[in-house]
């Protein structure tokens, strides 16, 4: 019968404590790692929340500054009849009156449906929404300058428009040009602007 080696028993007893310490240390390291991961995740979530709050604060400041900056301009636009629904009747009356004052041989016009106007300087969420209503003109002109005079008269009336395009063509005649007949034809496309009332500065006030 082989007897246990007393040296091996001694070694085994001597290794028990280090192994136990190593196990406890590994357990503590694992617990610490899990805890640190949770803390890191919590800190990251808080950082993201703070960044979101800071972004909202900057947006509110930007909207407030935009409202203050453009409030005077908005008042001028309101007084000019640009704020509110499109004033097609007024535009047509101004067009007819201007053409009559210039004794244009003839005037024909058509209007199209209102469209959303976009431009790089109109910032979504800050700038007021802008719409434009297209108007096509067909004109009989005695002189080339009659077209410029007509546009000047329209610009002096209520409202705001942009000239998208204009074209002039001389009529072929076998006789000399006459002062009371169309010697040229003109075709223009205008865009009349309008800003909805009530929602005009709502973008700047949103969130306050």
C-alpha atoms as a PDB file:
ATOM      1  CA  UNK A   1       0.000   0.000   0.000  1.00  0.00           C
ATOM      2  CA  UNK A   2       1.362   3.388  -1.118  1.00  0.00           C
ATOM      3  CA  UNK A   3       1.268   6.076   1.505  1.00  0.00           C
ATOM      4  CA  UNK A   4       0.501   9.691   0.514  1.00  0.00           C
ATOM      5  CA  UNK A   5       3.534  11.809   0.088  1.00  0.00           C
ATOM      6  CA  UNK A   6       3.600  14.248   3.046  1.00  0.00           C
ATOM      7  CA  UNK A   7       5.331  16.838   0.868  1.00  0.00           C
ATOM      8  CA  UNK A   8       2.452  16.889  -1.639  1.00  0.00           C
ATOM      9  CA  UNK A   9      -0.097  17.427   1.137  1.00  0.00           C
ATOM     10  CA  UNK A  10       1.992  20.247   2.466  1.00  0.00           C
ATOM     11  CA  UNK A  11       2.212  21.843  -0.961  1.00  0.00           C
ATOM     12  CA  UNK A  12      -1.492  21.464  -1.525  1.00  0.00           C
ATOM     13  CA  UNK A  13      -2.288  23.193   1.723  1.00  0.00           C
ATOM     14  CA  UNK A  14       0.174  25.946   0.851  1.00  0.00           C
ATOM     15  CA  UNK A  15      -1.430  26.537  -2.561  1.00  0.00           C
ATOM     16  CA  UNK A  16      -4.977  26.652  -1.189  1.00  0.00           C
ATOM     17  CA  UNK A  17      -4.708  30.198   0.117  1.00  0.00           C
ATOM     18  CA  UNK A  18      -3.238  31.719  -3.102  1.00  0.00           C
ATOM     19  CA  UNK A  19      -5.880  29.976  -5.213  1.00  0.00           C
ATOM     20  CA  UNK A  20      -8.591  31.239  -2.892  1.00  0.00           C
ATOM     21  CA  UNK A  21      -7.178  34.788  -3.075  1.00  0.00           C
ATOM     22  CA  UNK A  22      -6.969  34.540  -6.858  1.00  0.00           C
ATOM     23  CA  UNK A  23     -10.596  33.434  -7.084  1.00  0.00           C
ATOM     24  CA  UNK A  24     -11.747  36.239  -4.820  1.00  0.00           C
ATOM     25  CA  UNK A  25      -9.656  38.726  -6.804  1.00  0.00           C
ATOM     26  CA  UNK A  26     -11.132  37.520 -10.105  1.00  0.00           C
ATOM     27  CA  UNK A  27     -14.625  37.848  -8.689  1.00  0.00           C
ATOM     28  CA  UNK A  28     -13.898  41.363  -7.456  1.00  0.00           C
ATOM     29  CA  UNK A  29     -12.346  42.314 -10.803  1.00  0.00           C
ATOM     30  CA  UNK A  30     -15.406  41.029 -12.676  1.00  0.00           C
ATOM     31  CA  UNK A  31     -17.763  42.890 -10.343  1.00  0.00           C
ATOM     32  CA  UNK A  32     -15.719  46.066 -10.696  1.00  0.00           C
ATOM     33  CA  UNK A  33     -15.688  45.771 -14.485  1.00  0.00           C
ATOM     34  CA  UNK A  34     -19.458  45.351 -14.644  1.00  0.00           C
ATOM     35  CA  UNK A  35     -19.964  48.281 -12.286  1.00  0.00           C
ATOM     36  CA  UNK A  36     -17.554  50.464 -14.262  1.00  0.00           C
ATOM     37  CA  UNK A  37     -19.331  49.575 -17.509  1.00  0.00           C
ATOM     38  CA  UNK A  38     -22.661  50.562 -16.001  1.00  0.00           C
ATOM     39  CA  UNK A  39     -21.210  53.815 -14.689  1.00  0.00           C
ATOM     40  CA  UNK A  40     -19.654  54.583 -18.104  1.00  0.00           C
ATOM     41  CA  UNK A  41     -22.971  53.885 -19.841  1.00  0.00           C
ATOM     42  CA  UNK A  42     -24.801  56.123 -17.387  1.00  0.00           C
ATOM     43  CA  UNK A  43     -22.263  58.921 -17.864  1.00  0.00           C
ATOM     44  CA  UNK A  44     -22.494  58.645 -21.649  1.00  0.00           C
ATOM     45  CA  UNK A  45     -26.302  58.800 -21.506  1.00  0.00           C
ATOM     46  CA  UNK A  46     -26.086  61.885 -19.291  1.00  0.00           C
ATOM     47  CA  UNK A  47     -23.584  63.497 -21.676  1.00  0.00           C
ATOM     48  CA  UNK A  48     -25.932  62.904 -24.616  1.00  0.00           C
ATOM     49  CA  UNK A  49     -28.862  64.309 -22.660  1.00  0.00           C
ATOM     50  CA  UNK A  50     -26.865  67.404 -21.724  1.00  0.00           C
ATOM     51  CA  UNK A  51     -25.776  67.847 -25.355  1.00  0.00           C
ATOM     52  CA  UNK A  52     -29.415  67.615 -26.460  1.00  0.00           C
ATOM     53  CA  UNK A  53     -30.473  70.182 -23.850  1.00  0.00           C
ATOM     54  CA  UNK A  54     -27.661  72.506 -24.954  1.00  0.00           C
ATOM     55  CA  UNK A  55     -28.727  72.173 -28.589  1.00  0.00           C
ATOM     56  CA  UNK A  56     -32.331  73.022 -27.689  1.00  0.00           C
ATOM     57  CA  UNK A  57     -31.102  76.042 -25.726  1.00  0.00           C
ATOM     58  CA  UNK A  58     -29.106  77.294 -28.722  1.00  0.00           C
ATOM     59  CA  UNK A  59     -32.105  76.817 -31.019  1.00  0.00           C
ATOM     60  CA  UNK A  60     -34.337  78.811 -28.663  1.00  0.00           C
ATOM     61  CA  UNK A  61     -31.793  81.629 -28.529  1.00  0.00           C
ATOM     62  CA  UNK A  62     -31.484  81.600 -32.323  1.00  0.00           C
ATOM     63  CA  UNK A  63     -35.269  81.767 -32.748  1.00  0.00           C
ATOM     64  CA  UNK A  64     -35.554  84.590 -30.229  1.00  0.00           C
ATOM     65  CA  UNK A  65     -32.823  86.566 -31.986  1.00  0.00           C
ATOM     66  CA  UNK A  66     -34.444  85.949 -35.373  1.00  0.00           C
ATOM     67  CA  UNK A  67     -37.795  87.184 -34.076  1.00  0.00           C
ATOM     68  CA  UNK A  68     -36.223  90.357 -32.705  1.00  0.00           C
ATOM     69  CA  UNK A  69     -34.185  90.939 -35.865  1.00  0.00           C
ATOM     70  CA  UNK A  70     -37.043  90.492 -38.310  1.00  0.00           C
ATOM     71  CA  UNK A  71     -39.951  91.918 -36.313  1.00  0.00           C
ATOM     72  CA  UNK A  72     -39.503  95.369 -37.900  1.00  0.00           C
ATOM     73  CA  UNK A  73     -39.316  93.866 -41.388  1.00  0.00           C
ATOM     74  CA  UNK A  74     -42.402  91.792 -40.659  1.00  0.00           C
ATOM     75  CA  UNK A  75     -44.291  94.944 -39.677  1.00  0.00           C
ATOM     76  CA  UNK A  76     -43.322  96.589 -42.965  1.00  0.00           C
ATOM     77  CA  UNK A  77     -44.431  93.534 -44.919  1.00  0.00           C
ATOM     78  CA  UNK A  78     -47.771  93.569 -43.111  1.00  0.00           C
ATOM     79  CA  UNK A  79     -48.291  97.237 -43.947  1.00  0.00           C
ATOM     80  CA  UNK A  80     -47.424  96.525 -47.591  1.00  0.00           C
ATOM     81  CA  UNK A  81     -50.090  93.849 -47.896  1.00  0.00           C
ATOM     82  CA  UNK A  82     -47.606  91.012 -48.326  1.00  0.00           C
ATOM     83  CA  UNK A  83     -48.603  89.239 -45.102  1.00  0.00           C
ATOM     84  CA  UNK A  84     -51.887  87.378 -45.472  1.00  0.00           C
ATOM     85  CA  UNK A  85     -53.576  85.446 -48.284  1.00  0.00           C
ATOM     86  CA  UNK A  86     -52.524  86.188 -51.847  1.00  0.00           C
ATOM     87  CA  UNK A  87     -54.177  89.391 -53.073  1.00  0.00           C
ATOM     88  CA  UNK A  88     -54.907  88.311 -56.646  1.00  0.00           C
ATOM     89  CA  UNK A  89     -57.742  90.785 -57.112  1.00  0.00           C
ATOM     90  CA  UNK A  90     -55.534  93.703 -56.072  1.00  0.00           C
ATOM     91  CA  UNK A  91     -52.689  92.500 -58.298  1.00  0.00           C
ATOM     92  CA  UNK A  92     -54.998  92.249 -61.298  1.00  0.00           C
ATOM     93  CA  UNK A  93     -56.503  95.670 -60.608  1.00  0.00           C
ATOM     94  CA  UNK A  94     -53.021  97.191 -60.335  1.00  0.00           C
ATOM     95  CA  UNK A  95     -52.017  95.500 -63.594  1.00  0.00           C
ATOM     96  CA  UNK A  96     -55.099  96.758 -65.466  1.00  0.00           C
ATOM     97  CA  UNK A  97     -54.738 100.263 -64.065  1.00  0.00           C
ATOM     98  CA  UNK A  98     -51.058 100.422 -65.001  1.00  0.00           C
ATOM     99  CA  UNK A  99     -51.715  99.155 -68.530  1.00  0.00           C
ATOM    100  CA  UNK A 100     -54.557 101.663 -69.007  1.00  0.00           C
ATOM    101  CA  UNK A 101     -52.418 104.573 -67.819  1.00  0.00           C
ATOM    102  CA  UNK A 102     -49.787 103.640 -70.417  1.00  0.00           C
ATOM    103  CA  UNK A 103     -52.374 103.182 -73.196  1.00  0.00           C
ATOM    104  CA  UNK A 104     -51.072  99.749 -74.030  1.00  0.00           C
ATOM    105  CA  UNK A 105     -52.724  98.333 -77.189  1.00  0.00           C
ATOM    106  CA  UNK A 106     -53.681  95.131 -75.389  1.00  0.00           C
ATOM    107  CA  UNK A 107     -53.088  93.140 -72.214  1.00  0.00           C
ATOM    108  CA  UNK A 108     -53.774  89.491 -71.509  1.00  0.00           C
ATOM    109  CA  UNK A 109     -52.889  87.659 -68.304  1.00  0.00           C
ATOM    110  CA  UNK A 110     -53.321  84.333 -66.545  1.00  0.00           C
ATOM    111  CA  UNK A 111     -52.576  83.341 -62.950  1.00  0.00           C
ATOM    112  CA  UNK A 112     -51.450  79.965 -61.650  1.00  0.00           C
ATOM    113  CA  UNK A 113     -51.852  78.122 -58.339  1.00  0.00           C
ATOM    114  CA  UNK A 114     -49.891  79.290 -55.328  1.00  0.00           C
ATOM    115  CA  UNK A 115     -46.551  77.546 -54.757  1.00  0.00           C
ATOM    116  CA  UNK A 116     -44.061  77.310 -51.899  1.00  0.00           C
ATOM    117  CA  UNK A 117     -41.114  79.642 -52.489  1.00  0.00           C
ATOM    118  CA  UNK A 118     -37.688  78.271 -51.540  1.00  0.00           C
ATOM    119  CA  UNK A 119     -34.340  80.038 -51.326  1.00  0.00           C
ATOM    120  CA  UNK A 120     -31.006  79.371 -49.565  1.00  0.00           C
ATOM    121  CA  UNK A 121     -31.540  82.315 -47.219  1.00  0.00           C
ATOM    122  CA  UNK A 122     -34.881  80.958 -45.980  1.00  0.00           C
ATOM    123  CA  UNK A 123     -33.992  78.732 -43.023  1.00  0.00           C
ATOM    124  CA  UNK A 124     -36.492  76.044 -42.118  1.00  0.00           C
ATOM    125  CA  UNK A 125     -37.806  76.456 -38.585  1.00  0.00           C
ATOM    126  CA  UNK A 126     -36.637  80.074 -38.344  1.00  0.00           C
ATOM    127  CA  UNK A 127     -37.664  81.954 -41.485  1.00  0.00           C
ATOM    128  CA  UNK A 128     -41.299  82.671 -42.162  1.00  0.00           C
ATOM    129  CA  UNK A 129     -42.928  80.461 -44.821  1.00  0.00           C
ATOM    130  CA  UNK A 130     -43.162  82.260 -48.166  1.00  0.00           C
ATOM    131  CA  UNK A 131     -45.451  81.483 -51.105  1.00  0.00           C
ATOM    132  CA  UNK A 132     -45.508  82.816 -54.643  1.00  0.00           C
ATOM    133  CA  UNK A 133     -48.323  82.999 -57.178  1.00  0.00           C
ATOM    134  CA  UNK A 134     -47.265  82.925 -60.851  1.00  0.00           C
ATOM    135  CA  UNK A 135     -48.741  85.396 -63.342  1.00  0.00           C
ATOM    136  CA  UNK A 136     -48.168  85.236 -67.116  1.00  0.00           C
ATOM    137  CA  UNK A 137     -48.513  88.437 -69.141  1.00  0.00           C
ATOM    138  CA  UNK A 138     -49.013  88.911 -72.876  1.00  0.00           C
ATOM    139  CA  UNK A 139     -48.620  92.561 -73.875  1.00  0.00           C
ATOM    140  CA  UNK A 140     -48.959  94.741 -76.914  1.00  0.00           C
ATOM    141  CA  UNK A 141     -46.328  97.482 -76.715  1.00  0.00           C
ATOM    142  CA  UNK A 142     -45.821 100.666 -78.707  1.00  0.00           C
ATOM    143  CA  UNK A 143     -42.233 101.139 -77.462  1.00  0.00           C
ATOM    144  CA  UNK A 144     -39.755  98.902 -75.647  1.00  0.00           C
ATOM    145  CA  UNK A 145     -39.741 101.279 -72.686  1.00  0.00           C
ATOM    146  CA  UNK A 146     -43.465 100.624 -72.141  1.00  0.00           C
ATOM    147  CA  UNK A 147     -42.590  97.290 -70.547  1.00  0.00           C
ATOM    148  CA  UNK A 148     -40.235  98.928 -68.045  1.00  0.00           C
ATOM    149  CA  UNK A 149     -42.830 101.580 -67.236  1.00  0.00           C
ATOM    150  CA  UNK A 150     -45.450  98.905 -66.624  1.00  0.00           C
ATOM    151  CA  UNK A 151     -43.168  97.003 -64.226  1.00  0.00           C
ATOM    152  CA  UNK A 152     -42.276 100.236 -62.412  1.00  0.00           C
ATOM    153  CA  UNK A 153     -45.955 101.026 -61.876  1.00  0.00           C
ATOM    154  CA  UNK A 154     -46.610  97.536 -60.566  1.00  0.00           C
ATOM    155  CA  UNK A 155     -43.639  97.826 -58.193  1.00  0.00           C
ATOM    156  CA  UNK A 156     -45.099 101.045 -56.785  1.00  0.00           C
ATOM    157  CA  UNK A 157     -48.443  99.353 -56.046  1.00  0.00           C
ATOM    158  CA  UNK A 158     -49.303  97.174 -53.058  1.00  0.00           C
ATOM    159  CA  UNK A 159     -47.604  93.793 -52.995  1.00  0.00           C
ATOM    160  CA  UNK A 160     -44.250  92.359 -53.936  1.00  0.00           C
ATOM    161  CA  UNK A 161     -43.332  90.480 -57.088  1.00  0.00           C
ATOM    162  CA  UNK A 162     -40.311  89.079 -58.880  1.00  0.00           C
ATOM    163  CA  UNK A 163     -39.786  89.050 -62.654  1.00  0.00           C
ATOM    164  CA  UNK A 164     -38.897  85.504 -63.587  1.00  0.00           C
ATOM    165  CA  UNK A 165     -38.539  86.136 -67.301  1.00  0.00           C
ATOM    166  CA  UNK A 166     -39.448  88.604 -70.042  1.00  0.00           C
ATOM    167  CA  UNK A 167     -39.194  88.490 -73.830  1.00  0.00           C
ATOM    168  CA  UNK A 168     -39.813  91.114 -76.495  1.00  0.00           C
ATOM    169  CA  UNK A 169     -40.513  90.526 -80.186  1.00  0.00           C
ATOM    170  CA  UNK A 170     -40.924  93.124 -82.915  1.00  0.00           C
ATOM    171  CA  UNK A 171     -43.927  92.752 -85.186  1.00  0.00           C
ATOM    172  CA  UNK A 172     -43.262  92.584 -88.885  1.00  0.00           C
ATOM    173  CA  UNK A 173     -45.065  95.440 -90.642  1.00  0.00           C
ATOM    174  CA  UNK A 174     -45.132  96.726 -94.168  1.00  0.00           C
ATOM    175  CA  UNK A 175     -45.884 100.224 -92.907  1.00  0.00           C
ATOM    176  CA  UNK A 176     -44.145 102.535 -90.466  1.00  0.00           C
ATOM    177  CA  UNK A 177     -44.765 101.952 -86.734  1.00  0.00           C
ATOM    178  CA  UNK A 178     -47.817 103.761 -85.380  1.00  0.00           C
ATOM    179  CA  UNK A 179     -48.168 105.317 -81.940  1.00  0.00           C
ATOM    180  CA  UNK A 180     -51.560 103.755 -81.191  1.00  0.00           C
ATOM    181  CA  UNK A 181     -50.857 100.212 -82.350  1.00  0.00           C
ATOM    182  CA  UNK A 182     -48.722  97.388 -81.029  1.00  0.00           C
ATOM    183  CA  UNK A 183     -45.327  97.516 -82.639  1.00  0.00           C
ATOM    184  CA  UNK A 184     -43.904  94.890 -80.292  1.00  0.00           C
ATOM    185  CA  UNK A 185     -45.217  91.998 -78.259  1.00  0.00           C
ATOM    186  CA  UNK A 186     -44.038  91.258 -74.772  1.00  0.00           C
ATOM    187  CA  UNK A 187     -44.382  88.123 -72.678  1.00  0.00           C
ATOM    188  CA  UNK A 188     -43.409  88.034 -69.015  1.00  0.00           C
ATOM    189  CA  UNK A 189     -43.751  85.681 -66.099  1.00  0.00           C
ATOM    190  CA  UNK A 190     -44.104  87.254 -62.661  1.00  0.00           C
ATOM    191  CA  UNK A 191     -44.178  85.693 -59.209  1.00  0.00           C
ATOM    192  CA  UNK A 192     -46.220  87.537 -56.560  1.00  0.00           C
ATOM    193  CA  UNK A 193     -45.139  86.828 -52.994  1.00  0.00           C
ATOM    194  CA  UNK A 194     -47.255  86.355 -49.889  1.00  0.00           C
ATOM    195  CA  UNK A 195     -46.643  85.254 -46.292  1.00  0.00           C
ATOM    196  CA  UNK A 196     -49.441  83.488 -44.384  1.00  0.00           C
ATOM    197  CA  UNK A 197     -50.705  85.588 -41.496  1.00  0.00           C
ATOM    198  CA  UNK A 198     -50.533  84.080 -38.012  1.00  0.00           C
ATOM    199  CA  UNK A 199     -47.907  81.489 -38.962  1.00  0.00           C
ATOM    200  CA  UNK A 200     -45.445  84.050 -40.228  1.00  0.00           C
ATOM    201  CA  UNK A 201     -43.392  84.320 -37.092  1.00  0.00           C
ATOM    202  CA  UNK A 202     -44.638  81.121 -35.518  1.00  0.00           C
ATOM    203  CA  UNK A 203     -41.410  79.415 -36.465  1.00  0.00           C
ATOM    204  CA  UNK A 204     -39.423  81.967 -34.484  1.00  0.00           C
ATOM    205  CA  UNK A 205     -41.786  81.666 -31.511  1.00  0.00           C
ATOM    206  CA  UNK A 206     -41.989  77.857 -31.573  1.00  0.00           C
ATOM    207  CA  UNK A 207     -40.925  76.185 -28.406  1.00  0.00           C
ATOM    208  CA  UNK A 208     -41.155  79.274 -26.157  1.00  0.00           C
END
